């Protein structure tokens, strides 16, 4: 029944029943975690075979004869570049392979810009006064934490079903030289699951920024993380940027963190040859090279892009039931109440839930007290402040399916309690 159409007496009666149920759940002493987008143990187990592909010194040589145990190859081994190139549709000459974390590479990119400038000959960001980044919301909390750590002002723009409102983006980027970047998760955005439309990607590629040191931080973290065989294709921003002559505007990031092992995956930065020249120059002082044995391990295990895609189908088989369990609980418990809306993503790692305005923090607290940990309310917004206090991010991949079902039941109960409390206070 739609809660907004209930009489006060009906609301009070419904709330009393829900509070009794909540009291019973609290007494069970459960401890469940839907807070972070981590692969579960069953996902990690399907990659265990990778650990054995290099077992002796003779396995450590690439096809070109490179001994991956030694120094050198700052950019990464050619075979690993070829694998990422085939998988993502990026020329090998534009790929720089780093360590296990694309987040680390994004942080380093901004750190270099603060110290040395973004692009040869440009003034370091730290000497330009107040600089700004566009942050699409709800979005990835760690992107926002990077900006906050460097004192970069964040401008919030709402993320729509096809990406951001490009009129707003273009107005900011093309008219304000203090705007230095925008965070984008273009496929299965964290947490909404949004996939940018072809037109949105084209307009990103076509932009002519007011600042010569503006960059699009294209974090394609979920490029191959489809939940079904009906894969959604993302337009290739490099191909479009080549058409418009804007390839220097792009810094592209990806990794195998949720493909193999988050703690020992392989991450990349992809950029124009001009941008990579500056990156190499600076990183060559920082390191002689990253873990080439791990790069070779990935290449030997997957062989090619089809090997990665076959592997990702196994991931989907494991986590799809968990997403379905959450969606089922939301539909069954909240579907006719008129107090919530949610995304039903076709890939990625998250579900975004919007509940009644002003109640997200309260729902988060109720869930925590009942033994269910969620990502902090407001985390998907700059400075951790949801202006409407209504968004919650659900991360169903890590716990076992039975835990996901139980946690979803607790969450929807808390959402209903908060909604009725709010309606009765009006």
Foldseek 3Di string as FASTA:
>chain_A
DAQVPDDLVVLVVVLVVLVVVLVVLLVVPAAAEQADQAFAPVLQVVQVVLVPQDDDQVSQADPVGDRLVDFADAQFDPLLLQQVCQQQVADSLQKRKAFLDLLVVVLVQLVCQQPPNQFPPHDRLVPPPAAEEEEEPLAALSVLVSCVVVVHHYDYFYADQQGTPVVVVLCPFAPPQSYAEYEDQQALGVAARHHHDQVRLLSVLQHDGPHPRHAYEHEPAWQLFFLDPPDDHHDRSCVSNVVNVNQQRYWYKYWCCSQHPSVGTMIIIGGDSRSVVVVCVVCVVVGRHHNNSSSSSVCSQQVHSVSSNVSSNVVSVQCVLLLVLLVVLCCVLPVNHPFKDKHSHRGDFKIKIFGHFPCQQVLQVSLVSSNYHYHHQQSSDNPSDDPRSGITIGGRRHDHSVSSNVSSNSSSSSRSSSVSVVVSVD
